[in-house]
């Protein structure tokens, strides 16, 4: 199954003086665009810089568990009515420990919320954010643009950018690093990090179960690592499978039929036969905490500031 998302073309606004900005956000992913949308009503002149092509930035085969607090953020941005119909609303979350027969159950009434959690695909969230950015007079987004240099002064930061049009030098009151865990902006500013690599990797994939998932989320804690099932619209689910590095690499290297056999052992039979919808992806689990989140003319955001084990993400 292929899910298509429509993304608006984003071009620099002729109304903005790009030589002098109030905020330059380096990173046009979910974190960077959410901040830009949050600052829209401030009237500040905002430039978002993204190294990838626009379509590349949106094409990520990943879904995110979203907490009720995250839904409130999108409501405050005026984006929830666009996002909510395209994501799943967890009716329950069931937690269990390996093959122990009993489960801990969480329901919306336990939280006084409409849902325990939500689950939204990267493309759904990016489409809503990009649409808002495209219509905001005080936000400009440049794709395929690299940050060559940043120099922080007492009054402004001088930022040198490079793209197919050549180099451009501009000044900004604030630079925001939203360029991910391996942030170039953070490292070039001399901000050190603490943390470690876990002994585990995370496998993700999309599957279609034979029977409806009923918007129930599952998480089972095995000795080798947790296994989670996140329900999605259109009778699909994303699995998040934590395993030791060598085991994870061996699992994704299996032929599809053997991979599905191993997956069913973790998934269970509650939804019937499973169909694999995407190529499984794997990435190492890691803890990282920046020693500082801000310094004069610079702030860190999202994974550029910190990241944690997928089980510790707590729904974004």
C-alpha atoms as a PDB file:
ATOM      1  CA  UNK A   1       0.000   0.000   0.000  1.00  0.00           C
ATOM      2  CA  UNK A   2       1.280   3.468  -0.923  1.00  0.00           C
ATOM      3  CA  UNK A   3       0.125   6.527   1.011  1.00  0.00           C
ATOM      4  CA  UNK A   4       0.479   9.759  -0.951  1.00  0.00           C
ATOM      5  CA  UNK A   5       0.729  13.154   0.712  1.00  0.00           C
ATOM      6  CA  UNK A   6       0.468  16.494  -1.061  1.00  0.00           C
ATOM      7  CA  UNK A   7       3.028  19.112  -0.080  1.00  0.00           C
ATOM      8  CA  UNK A   8       2.830  22.755  -1.106  1.00  0.00           C
ATOM      9  CA  UNK A   9       5.692  24.362  -2.962  1.00  0.00           C
ATOM     10  CA  UNK A  10       7.517  26.783  -0.665  1.00  0.00           C
ATOM     11  CA  UNK A  11       9.388  29.761  -2.109  1.00  0.00           C
ATOM     12  CA  UNK A  12      10.952  32.830  -0.484  1.00  0.00           C
ATOM     13  CA  UNK A  13       8.428  35.557   0.277  1.00  0.00           C
ATOM     14  CA  UNK A  14       9.081  38.810  -1.604  1.00  0.00           C
ATOM     15  CA  UNK A  15       7.862  40.711   1.464  1.00  0.00           C
ATOM     16  CA  UNK A  16      10.765  39.622   3.644  1.00  0.00           C
ATOM     17  CA  UNK A  17      14.119  41.310   3.897  1.00  0.00           C
ATOM     18  CA  UNK A  18      16.265  38.182   3.929  1.00  0.00           C
ATOM     19  CA  UNK A  19      19.449  40.109   4.673  1.00  0.00           C
ATOM     20  CA  UNK A  20      18.123  40.852   8.164  1.00  0.00           C
ATOM     21  CA  UNK A  21      16.051  38.201   9.960  1.00  0.00           C
ATOM     22  CA  UNK A  22      14.859  37.868  13.498  1.00  0.00           C
ATOM     23  CA  UNK A  23      15.137  34.067  13.643  1.00  0.00           C
ATOM     24  CA  UNK A  24      17.007  31.612  11.414  1.00  0.00           C
ATOM     25  CA  UNK A  25      15.894  28.024  12.048  1.00  0.00           C
ATOM     26  CA  UNK A  26      18.401  25.496  10.703  1.00  0.00           C
ATOM     27  CA  UNK A  27      16.406  22.337   9.977  1.00  0.00           C
ATOM     28  CA  UNK A  28      13.076  22.084   8.178  1.00  0.00           C
ATOM     29  CA  UNK A  29      11.818  18.918   9.861  1.00  0.00           C
ATOM     30  CA  UNK A  30       8.939  18.593  12.296  1.00  0.00           C
ATOM     31  CA  UNK A  31      10.720  20.369  15.168  1.00  0.00           C
ATOM     32  CA  UNK A  32      11.911  23.298  13.091  1.00  0.00           C
ATOM     33  CA  UNK A  33       8.608  23.846  11.285  1.00  0.00           C
ATOM     34  CA  UNK A  34       6.596  23.511  14.517  1.00  0.00           C
ATOM     35  CA  UNK A  35       8.674  26.299  16.047  1.00  0.00           C
ATOM     36  CA  UNK A  36       8.248  28.437  12.915  1.00  0.00           C
ATOM     37  CA  UNK A  37       4.474  27.977  13.056  1.00  0.00           C
ATOM     38  CA  UNK A  38       4.476  28.772  16.768  1.00  0.00           C
ATOM     39  CA  UNK A  39       6.260  32.059  16.063  1.00  0.00           C
ATOM     40  CA  UNK A  40       4.019  33.036  13.152  1.00  0.00           C
ATOM     41  CA  UNK A  41       1.747  35.332  15.162  1.00  0.00           C
ATOM     42  CA  UNK A  42       4.753  37.102  16.709  1.00  0.00           C
ATOM     43  CA  UNK A  43       5.396  39.017  13.528  1.00  0.00           C
ATOM     44  CA  UNK A  44       9.086  38.072  13.642  1.00  0.00           C
ATOM     45  CA  UNK A  45      10.885  37.585  10.336  1.00  0.00           C
ATOM     46  CA  UNK A  46      11.670  33.875  10.235  1.00  0.00           C
ATOM     47  CA  UNK A  47      13.857  31.958   7.788  1.00  0.00           C
ATOM     48  CA  UNK A  48      13.883  28.148   7.823  1.00  0.00           C
ATOM     49  CA  UNK A  49      16.912  26.534   6.190  1.00  0.00           C
ATOM     50  CA  UNK A  50      16.827  22.868   5.152  1.00  0.00           C
ATOM     51  CA  UNK A  51      19.711  20.999   3.488  1.00  0.00           C
ATOM     52  CA  UNK A  52      17.494  18.418   1.759  1.00  0.00           C
ATOM     53  CA  UNK A  53      15.078  18.850  -1.099  1.00  0.00           C
ATOM     54  CA  UNK A  54      11.529  19.561   0.057  1.00  0.00           C
ATOM     55  CA  UNK A  55      10.263  16.129  -1.001  1.00  0.00           C
ATOM     56  CA  UNK A  56      13.197  14.383   0.686  1.00  0.00           C
ATOM     57  CA  UNK A  57      12.407  16.140   3.952  1.00  0.00           C
ATOM     58  CA  UNK A  58       8.868  14.770   3.867  1.00  0.00           C
ATOM     59  CA  UNK A  59       9.558  11.215   2.703  1.00  0.00           C
ATOM     60  CA  UNK A  60      10.401   9.467   5.936  1.00  0.00           C
ATOM     61  CA  UNK A  61       8.863   6.048   6.586  1.00  0.00           C
ATOM     62  CA  UNK A  62       8.165   6.698  10.242  1.00  0.00           C
ATOM     63  CA  UNK A  63       5.174   7.236  12.479  1.00  0.00           C
ATOM     64  CA  UNK A  64       5.289   8.919  15.871  1.00  0.00           C
ATOM     65  CA  UNK A  65       3.383   8.280  19.069  1.00  0.00           C
ATOM     66  CA  UNK A  66       1.933  11.637  20.125  1.00  0.00           C
ATOM     67  CA  UNK A  67       0.945  12.405  23.690  1.00  0.00           C
ATOM     68  CA  UNK A  68      -2.182  14.408  24.609  1.00  0.00           C
ATOM     69  CA  UNK A  69       0.156  17.325  25.352  1.00  0.00           C
ATOM     70  CA  UNK A  70       1.454  17.176  21.780  1.00  0.00           C
ATOM     71  CA  UNK A  71      -2.116  17.299  20.512  1.00  0.00           C
ATOM     72  CA  UNK A  72      -2.657  20.443  22.586  1.00  0.00           C
ATOM     73  CA  UNK A  73       0.359  22.061  20.915  1.00  0.00           C
ATOM     74  CA  UNK A  74      -1.082  21.359  17.470  1.00  0.00           C
ATOM     75  CA  UNK A  75      -4.477  22.631  18.629  1.00  0.00           C
ATOM     76  CA  UNK A  76      -2.905  25.874  19.798  1.00  0.00           C
ATOM     77  CA  UNK A  77      -1.238  26.195  16.389  1.00  0.00           C
ATOM     78  CA  UNK A  78      -4.605  25.731  14.689  1.00  0.00           C
ATOM     79  CA  UNK A  79      -3.423  22.573  12.928  1.00  0.00           C
ATOM     80  CA  UNK A  80      -5.235  19.856  14.865  1.00  0.00           C
ATOM     81  CA  UNK A  81      -8.394  19.912  12.715  1.00  0.00           C
ATOM     82  CA  UNK A  82      -6.195  19.158   9.698  1.00  0.00           C
ATOM     83  CA  UNK A  83      -4.091  16.489  11.422  1.00  0.00           C
ATOM     84  CA  UNK A  84      -6.628  14.655  13.622  1.00  0.00           C
ATOM     85  CA  UNK A  85      -8.685  12.966  10.842  1.00  0.00           C
ATOM     86  CA  UNK A  86      -5.516  11.482   9.332  1.00  0.00           C
ATOM     87  CA  UNK A  87      -4.007   9.903  12.444  1.00  0.00           C
ATOM     88  CA  UNK A  88      -5.068   7.195  14.881  1.00  0.00           C
ATOM     89  CA  UNK A  89      -6.574   7.878  18.315  1.00  0.00           C
ATOM     90  CA  UNK A  90      -5.641   5.165  20.816  1.00  0.00           C
ATOM     91  CA  UNK A  91      -8.710   3.740  22.532  1.00  0.00           C
ATOM     92  CA  UNK A  92      -6.488   1.718  24.856  1.00  0.00           C
ATOM     93  CA  UNK A  93      -2.832   0.950  25.534  1.00  0.00           C
ATOM     94  CA  UNK A  94      -1.959  -2.524  26.827  1.00  0.00           C
ATOM     95  CA  UNK A  95       1.370  -3.140  28.560  1.00  0.00           C
ATOM     96  CA  UNK A  96       2.710  -6.584  29.381  1.00  0.00           C
ATOM     97  CA  UNK A  97       5.912  -8.262  30.527  1.00  0.00           C
ATOM     98  CA  UNK A  98       7.242 -10.986  28.182  1.00  0.00           C
ATOM     99  CA  UNK A  99       4.865 -13.979  28.287  1.00  0.00           C
ATOM    100  CA  UNK A 100       3.273 -13.037  31.623  1.00  0.00           C
ATOM    101  CA  UNK A 101      -0.478 -13.492  31.049  1.00  0.00           C
ATOM    102  CA  UNK A 102      -1.696 -10.297  32.739  1.00  0.00           C
ATOM    103  CA  UNK A 103      -1.645  -6.781  31.274  1.00  0.00           C
ATOM    104  CA  UNK A 104      -1.776  -3.241  32.526  1.00  0.00           C
ATOM    105  CA  UNK A 105      -4.446  -1.295  30.644  1.00  0.00           C
ATOM    106  CA  UNK A 106      -4.667   2.459  30.108  1.00  0.00           C
ATOM    107  CA  UNK A 107      -7.895   4.080  28.899  1.00  0.00           C
ATOM    108  CA  UNK A 108      -8.818   7.690  27.995  1.00  0.00           C
ATOM    109  CA  UNK A 109     -10.864   8.042  31.179  1.00  0.00           C
ATOM    110  CA  UNK A 110      -7.693   7.405  33.219  1.00  0.00           C
ATOM    111  CA  UNK A 111      -6.252  10.627  31.806  1.00  0.00           C
ATOM    112  CA  UNK A 112      -9.445  12.600  31.356  1.00  0.00           C
ATOM    113  CA  UNK A 113      -8.546  12.904  27.675  1.00  0.00           C
ATOM    114  CA  UNK A 114     -10.196  11.987  24.377  1.00  0.00           C
ATOM    115  CA  UNK A 115      -7.484   9.381  23.689  1.00  0.00           C
ATOM    116  CA  UNK A 116      -4.628   7.748  25.557  1.00  0.00           C
ATOM    117  CA  UNK A 117      -2.181   8.523  22.753  1.00  0.00           C
ATOM    118  CA  UNK A 118      -2.223   9.328  19.070  1.00  0.00           C
ATOM    119  CA  UNK A 119      -0.084   8.026  16.231  1.00  0.00           C
ATOM    120  CA  UNK A 120       0.727  10.134  13.201  1.00  0.00           C
ATOM    121  CA  UNK A 121       2.882   9.496  10.180  1.00  0.00           C
ATOM    122  CA  UNK A 122       5.748  11.807   9.331  1.00  0.00           C
ATOM    123  CA  UNK A 123       4.136  12.817   6.041  1.00  0.00           C
ATOM    124  CA  UNK A 124       0.832  13.776   7.655  1.00  0.00           C
ATOM    125  CA  UNK A 125       2.498  16.063  10.181  1.00  0.00           C
ATOM    126  CA  UNK A 126       4.859  17.582   7.622  1.00  0.00           C
ATOM    127  CA  UNK A 127       2.020  18.304   5.183  1.00  0.00           C
ATOM    128  CA  UNK A 128       0.114  20.309   7.793  1.00  0.00           C
ATOM    129  CA  UNK A 129       3.198  22.209   8.923  1.00  0.00           C
ATOM    130  CA  UNK A 130       4.402  22.961   5.405  1.00  0.00           C
ATOM    131  CA  UNK A 131       0.963  24.197   4.383  1.00  0.00           C
ATOM    132  CA  UNK A 132       0.982  26.665   7.258  1.00  0.00           C
ATOM    133  CA  UNK A 133       4.525  27.827   6.451  1.00  0.00           C
ATOM    134  CA  UNK A 134       3.625  28.296   2.781  1.00  0.00           C
ATOM    135  CA  UNK A 135       0.828  30.728   3.659  1.00  0.00           C
ATOM    136  CA  UNK A 136       2.662  32.712   6.353  1.00  0.00           C
ATOM    137  CA  UNK A 137       3.846  36.123   5.148  1.00  0.00           C
ATOM    138  CA  UNK A 138       6.604  36.347   7.759  1.00  0.00           C
ATOM    139  CA  UNK A 139       8.080  32.832   7.252  1.00  0.00           C
ATOM    140  CA  UNK A 140      10.343  31.837   4.376  1.00  0.00           C
ATOM    141  CA  UNK A 141      11.702  28.334   3.860  1.00  0.00           C
ATOM    142  CA  UNK A 142      14.753  27.557   1.731  1.00  0.00           C
ATOM    143  CA  UNK A 143      15.422  23.948   0.755  1.00  0.00           C
ATOM    144  CA  UNK A 144      18.675  22.550  -0.667  1.00  0.00           C
ATOM    145  CA  UNK A 145      20.517  25.208   1.311  1.00  0.00           C
ATOM    146  CA  UNK A 146      23.593  24.607   3.429  1.00  0.00           C
ATOM    147  CA  UNK A 147      24.873  26.645   6.374  1.00  0.00           C
ATOM    148  CA  UNK A 148      28.493  27.430   5.553  1.00  0.00           C
ATOM    149  CA  UNK A 149      29.373  29.483   8.611  1.00  0.00           C
ATOM    150  CA  UNK A 150      27.827  31.155  11.664  1.00  0.00           C
ATOM    151  CA  UNK A 151      29.509  33.889  13.685  1.00  0.00           C
ATOM    152  CA  UNK A 152      27.845  35.030  16.882  1.00  0.00           C
ATOM    153  CA  UNK A 153      28.182  38.692  17.795  1.00  0.00           C
ATOM    154  CA  UNK A 154      26.993  40.802  20.687  1.00  0.00           C
ATOM    155  CA  UNK A 155      23.988  42.173  18.755  1.00  0.00           C
ATOM    156  CA  UNK A 156      23.366  39.680  15.936  1.00  0.00           C
ATOM    157  CA  UNK A 157      24.589  36.421  14.449  1.00  0.00           C
ATOM    158  CA  UNK A 158      26.058  36.474  10.944  1.00  0.00           C
ATOM    159  CA  UNK A 159      24.995  33.423   8.919  1.00  0.00           C
ATOM    160  CA  UNK A 160      26.513  32.401   5.583  1.00  0.00           C
ATOM    161  CA  UNK A 161      24.273  30.188   3.436  1.00  0.00           C
ATOM    162  CA  UNK A 162      24.968  28.406   0.167  1.00  0.00           C
ATOM    163  CA  UNK A 163      22.646  26.925  -2.440  1.00  0.00           C
ATOM    164  CA  UNK A 164      22.334  26.733  -6.236  1.00  0.00           C
ATOM    165  CA  UNK A 165      22.103  30.538  -6.317  1.00  0.00           C
ATOM    166  CA  UNK A 166      25.506  30.886  -4.660  1.00  0.00           C
ATOM    167  CA  UNK A 167      26.372  32.203  -1.213  1.00  0.00           C
ATOM    168  CA  UNK A 168      24.305  34.647   0.793  1.00  0.00           C
ATOM    169  CA  UNK A 169      25.278  36.413   3.989  1.00  0.00           C
ATOM    170  CA  UNK A 170      22.596  37.552   6.414  1.00  0.00           C
ATOM    171  CA  UNK A 171      22.171  38.713   9.988  1.00  0.00           C
ATOM    172  CA  UNK A 172      19.755  37.319  12.538  1.00  0.00           C
ATOM    173  CA  UNK A 173      18.861  38.057  16.131  1.00  0.00           C
ATOM    174  CA  UNK A 174      18.730  34.325  16.893  1.00  0.00           C
ATOM    175  CA  UNK A 175      19.879  31.077  15.313  1.00  0.00           C
ATOM    176  CA  UNK A 176      17.983  27.901  16.223  1.00  0.00           C
ATOM    177  CA  UNK A 177      19.683  24.553  15.676  1.00  0.00           C
ATOM    178  CA  UNK A 178      16.988  22.055  14.679  1.00  0.00           C
ATOM    179  CA  UNK A 179      19.310  19.987  12.483  1.00  0.00           C
ATOM    180  CA  UNK A 180      19.139  16.671  14.297  1.00  0.00           C
ATOM    181  CA  UNK A 181      21.197  14.552  16.634  1.00  0.00           C
ATOM    182  CA  UNK A 182      24.418  15.132  14.678  1.00  0.00           C
ATOM    183  CA  UNK A 183      23.805  18.873  14.634  1.00  0.00           C
ATOM    184  CA  UNK A 184      26.449  20.801  12.695  1.00  0.00           C
ATOM    185  CA  UNK A 185      25.297  24.047  14.313  1.00  0.00           C
ATOM    186  CA  UNK A 186      25.661  22.639  17.848  1.00  0.00           C
ATOM    187  CA  UNK A 187      29.121  21.196  17.263  1.00  0.00           C
ATOM    188  CA  UNK A 188      30.448  24.263  15.448  1.00  0.00           C
ATOM    189  CA  UNK A 189      29.286  26.394  18.398  1.00  0.00           C
ATOM    190  CA  UNK A 190      31.436  24.260  20.706  1.00  0.00           C
ATOM    191  CA  UNK A 191      28.533  22.833  22.715  1.00  0.00           C
ATOM    192  CA  UNK A 192      29.522  19.428  24.039  1.00  0.00           C
ATOM    193  CA  UNK A 193      27.175  16.540  24.772  1.00  0.00           C
ATOM    194  CA  UNK A 194      26.903  13.738  27.310  1.00  0.00           C
ATOM    195  CA  UNK A 195      25.389  10.321  26.717  1.00  0.00           C
ATOM    196  CA  UNK A 196      26.028   6.845  25.444  1.00  0.00           C
ATOM    197  CA  UNK A 197      25.026   4.308  22.833  1.00  0.00           C
ATOM    198  CA  UNK A 198      22.754   1.565  24.131  1.00  0.00           C
ATOM    199  CA  UNK A 199      23.430  -2.083  23.403  1.00  0.00           C
ATOM    200  CA  UNK A 200      20.233  -2.203  21.351  1.00  0.00           C
ATOM    201  CA  UNK A 201      18.937  -1.210  17.931  1.00  0.00           C
ATOM    202  CA  UNK A 202      15.402  -0.324  16.909  1.00  0.00           C
ATOM    203  CA  UNK A 203      13.626  -2.016  13.994  1.00  0.00           C
ATOM    204  CA  UNK A 204      10.611  -0.257  12.489  1.00  0.00           C
ATOM    205  CA  UNK A 205       8.230  -1.378   9.743  1.00  0.00           C
ATOM    206  CA  UNK A 206       4.642  -0.917   8.610  1.00  0.00           C
ATOM    207  CA  UNK A 207       2.320  -3.934   8.539  1.00  0.00           C
ATOM    208  CA  UNK A 208      -1.326  -4.608   7.714  1.00  0.00           C
ATOM    209  CA  UNK A 209      -3.082  -7.075  10.047  1.00  0.00           C
ATOM    210  CA  UNK A 210      -5.901  -9.260   8.796  1.00  0.00           C
ATOM    211  CA  UNK A 211      -8.311  -8.085  11.514  1.00  0.00           C
ATOM    212  CA  UNK A 212      -8.907  -4.489  12.689  1.00  0.00           C
ATOM    213  CA  UNK A 213      -6.548  -3.232  15.389  1.00  0.00           C
ATOM    214  CA  UNK A 214      -9.415  -1.331  17.086  1.00  0.00           C
ATOM    215  CA  UNK A 215      -7.021   1.556  17.771  1.00  0.00           C
ATOM    216  CA  UNK A 216      -5.331  -0.416  20.553  1.00  0.00           C
ATOM    217  CA  UNK A 217      -1.638   0.161  21.202  1.00  0.00           C
ATOM    218  CA  UNK A 218       0.514  -2.632  22.603  1.00  0.00           C
ATOM    219  CA  UNK A 219       3.888  -2.719  24.300  1.00  0.00           C
ATOM    220  CA  UNK A 220       5.500  -5.889  25.563  1.00  0.00           C
ATOM    221  CA  UNK A 221       8.778  -5.867  27.513  1.00  0.00           C
ATOM    222  CA  UNK A 222      11.000  -8.822  26.594  1.00  0.00           C
ATOM    223  CA  UNK A 223      14.457  -9.533  28.067  1.00  0.00           C
ATOM    224  CA  UNK A 224      16.063  -8.542  24.747  1.00  0.00           C
ATOM    225  CA  UNK A 225      14.059  -5.311  24.521  1.00  0.00           C
ATOM    226  CA  UNK A 226      10.528  -3.908  24.182  1.00  0.00           C
ATOM    227  CA  UNK A 227       8.203  -4.607  21.285  1.00  0.00           C
ATOM    228  CA  UNK A 228       5.466  -2.080  20.460  1.00  0.00           C
ATOM    229  CA  UNK A 229       2.519  -2.043  18.053  1.00  0.00           C
ATOM    230  CA  UNK A 230       1.251   1.413  17.091  1.00  0.00           C
ATOM    231  CA  UNK A 231      -2.149   1.453  15.342  1.00  0.00           C
ATOM    232  CA  UNK A 232      -2.516   3.635  12.230  1.00  0.00           C
ATOM    233  CA  UNK A 233      -5.424   4.570   9.952  1.00  0.00           C
ATOM    234  CA  UNK A 234      -6.471   2.281   7.087  1.00  0.00           C
ATOM    235  CA  UNK A 235      -6.004  -0.879   9.189  1.00  0.00           C
ATOM    236  CA  UNK A 236      -2.234  -0.475   9.307  1.00  0.00           C
ATOM    237  CA  UNK A 237       0.245  -0.606  12.191  1.00  0.00           C
ATOM    238  CA  UNK A 238       3.828   0.393  12.782  1.00  0.00           C
ATOM    239  CA  UNK A 239       5.975  -1.974  14.799  1.00  0.00           C
ATOM    240  CA  UNK A 240       8.846  -0.783  16.979  1.00  0.00           C
ATOM    241  CA  UNK A 241      11.060  -3.755  17.780  1.00  0.00           C
ATOM    242  CA  UNK A 242      14.041  -3.311  20.109  1.00  0.00           C
ATOM    243  CA  UNK A 243      16.772  -5.949  20.063  1.00  0.00           C
ATOM    244  CA  UNK A 244      20.539  -6.244  20.681  1.00  0.00           C
ATOM    245  CA  UNK A 245      22.554  -4.876  17.743  1.00  0.00           C
ATOM    246  CA  UNK A 246      23.672  -8.209  16.302  1.00  0.00           C
ATOM    247  CA  UNK A 247      20.208  -9.728  16.672  1.00  0.00           C
ATOM    248  CA  UNK A 248      18.561  -6.709  15.031  1.00  0.00           C
ATOM    249  CA  UNK A 249      20.937  -6.840  12.061  1.00  0.00           C
ATOM    250  CA  UNK A 250      20.312 -10.574  11.697  1.00  0.00           C
ATOM    251  CA  UNK A 251      16.538 -10.050  11.818  1.00  0.00           C
ATOM    252  CA  UNK A 252      16.409  -7.410   9.073  1.00  0.00           C
ATOM    253  CA  UNK A 253      18.758  -9.536   6.960  1.00  0.00           C
ATOM    254  CA  UNK A 254      16.278 -12.429   6.887  1.00  0.00           C
ATOM    255  CA  UNK A 255      14.235 -13.215   3.750  1.00  0.00           C
ATOM    256  CA  UNK A 256      10.734 -11.665   3.975  1.00  0.00           C
ATOM    257  CA  UNK A 257       8.966 -14.919   4.894  1.00  0.00           C
ATOM    258  CA  UNK A 258      11.426 -15.663   7.709  1.00  0.00           C
ATOM    259  CA  UNK A 259      11.263 -12.060   8.910  1.00  0.00           C
ATOM    260  CA  UNK A 260       7.472 -12.358   9.148  1.00  0.00           C
ATOM    261  CA  UNK A 261       7.792 -15.635  11.061  1.00  0.00           C
ATOM    262  CA  UNK A 262       9.987 -13.921  13.655  1.00  0.00           C
ATOM    263  CA  UNK A 263       7.682 -10.909  13.705  1.00  0.00           C
ATOM    264  CA  UNK A 264       4.597 -13.022  14.403  1.00  0.00           C
ATOM    265  CA  UNK A 265       6.302 -14.532  17.429  1.00  0.00           C
ATOM    266  CA  UNK A 266       6.453 -11.067  18.942  1.00  0.00           C
ATOM    267  CA  UNK A 267       3.240  -9.668  17.454  1.00  0.00           C
ATOM    268  CA  UNK A 268       0.881 -12.430  18.530  1.00  0.00           C
ATOM    269  CA  UNK A 269      -2.244 -13.737  16.846  1.00  0.00           C
ATOM    270  CA  UNK A 270      -4.769 -11.186  18.102  1.00  0.00           C
ATOM    271  CA  UNK A 271      -5.096  -9.532  14.665  1.00  0.00           C
ATOM    272  CA  UNK A 272      -4.703 -12.567  12.419  1.00  0.00           C
ATOM    273  CA  UNK A 273      -2.372 -12.795   9.416  1.00  0.00           C
ATOM    274  CA  UNK A 274       0.138  -9.977   8.882  1.00  0.00           C
ATOM    275  CA  UNK A 275       1.221  -8.397   5.591  1.00  0.00           C
ATOM    276  CA  UNK A 276       4.500  -6.489   5.434  1.00  0.00           C
ATOM    277  CA  UNK A 277       3.974  -3.071   3.807  1.00  0.00           C
ATOM    278  CA  UNK A 278       7.448  -1.520   3.989  1.00  0.00           C
ATOM    279  CA  UNK A 279      11.109  -2.410   4.022  1.00  0.00           C
ATOM    280  CA  UNK A 280      12.154  -2.779   7.686  1.00  0.00           C
ATOM    281  CA  UNK A 281      14.504  -0.051   8.887  1.00  0.00           C
ATOM    282  CA  UNK A 282      16.999  -0.238  11.742  1.00  0.00           C
ATOM    283  CA  UNK A 283      18.802   2.415  13.775  1.00  0.00           C
ATOM    284  CA  UNK A 284      20.826   2.295  17.012  1.00  0.00           C
ATOM    285  CA  UNK A 285      19.258   3.414  20.295  1.00  0.00           C
ATOM    286  CA  UNK A 286      21.131   6.301  21.840  1.00  0.00           C
ATOM    287  CA  UNK A 287      21.018   8.725  24.743  1.00  0.00           C
ATOM    288  CA  UNK A 288      22.335  12.244  24.171  1.00  0.00           C
ATOM    289  CA  UNK A 289      22.029  15.366  26.281  1.00  0.00           C
ATOM    290  CA  UNK A 290      23.605  18.683  25.321  1.00  0.00           C
ATOM    291  CA  UNK A 291      25.501  20.369  28.129  1.00  0.00           C
ATOM    292  CA  UNK A 292      23.774  23.633  27.234  1.00  0.00           C
ATOM    293  CA  UNK A 293      20.514  24.229  25.380  1.00  0.00           C
ATOM    294  CA  UNK A 294      21.268  27.856  24.666  1.00  0.00           C
ATOM    295  CA  UNK A 295      23.973  30.488  24.628  1.00  0.00           C
ATOM    296  CA  UNK A 296      24.021  34.059  23.280  1.00  0.00           C
ATOM    297  CA  UNK A 297      22.253  34.201  19.874  1.00  0.00           C
ATOM    298  CA  UNK A 298      21.817  30.389  19.734  1.00  0.00           C
ATOM    299  CA  UNK A 299      19.194  27.899  20.927  1.00  0.00           C
ATOM    300  CA  UNK A 300      19.034  24.126  20.442  1.00  0.00           C
ATOM    301  CA  UNK A 301      15.784  22.376  19.553  1.00  0.00           C
ATOM    302  CA  UNK A 302      14.593  18.769  19.272  1.00  0.00           C
ATOM    303  CA  UNK A 303      17.186  16.073  18.633  1.00  0.00           C
ATOM    304  CA  UNK A 304      19.885  18.724  18.338  1.00  0.00           C
ATOM    305  CA  UNK A 305      19.338  19.374  22.058  1.00  0.00           C
ATOM    306  CA  UNK A 306      18.654  15.861  23.325  1.00  0.00           C
ATOM    307  CA  UNK A 307      17.502  12.395  22.355  1.00  0.00           C
ATOM    308  CA  UNK A 308      16.700   9.223  24.290  1.00  0.00           C
ATOM    309  CA  UNK A 309      15.875   5.547  23.948  1.00  0.00           C
ATOM    310  CA  UNK A 310      12.690   5.022  21.871  1.00  0.00           C
ATOM    311  CA  UNK A 311      10.932   3.596  24.933  1.00  0.00           C
ATOM    312  CA  UNK A 312      11.721   6.820  26.802  1.00  0.00           C
ATOM    313  CA  UNK A 313      10.337   9.112  24.107  1.00  0.00           C
ATOM    314  CA  UNK A 314       7.013   9.369  25.927  1.00  0.00           C
ATOM    315  CA  UNK A 315       5.053  10.240  22.858  1.00  0.00           C
ATOM    316  CA  UNK A 316       6.815  13.296  21.528  1.00  0.00           C
END
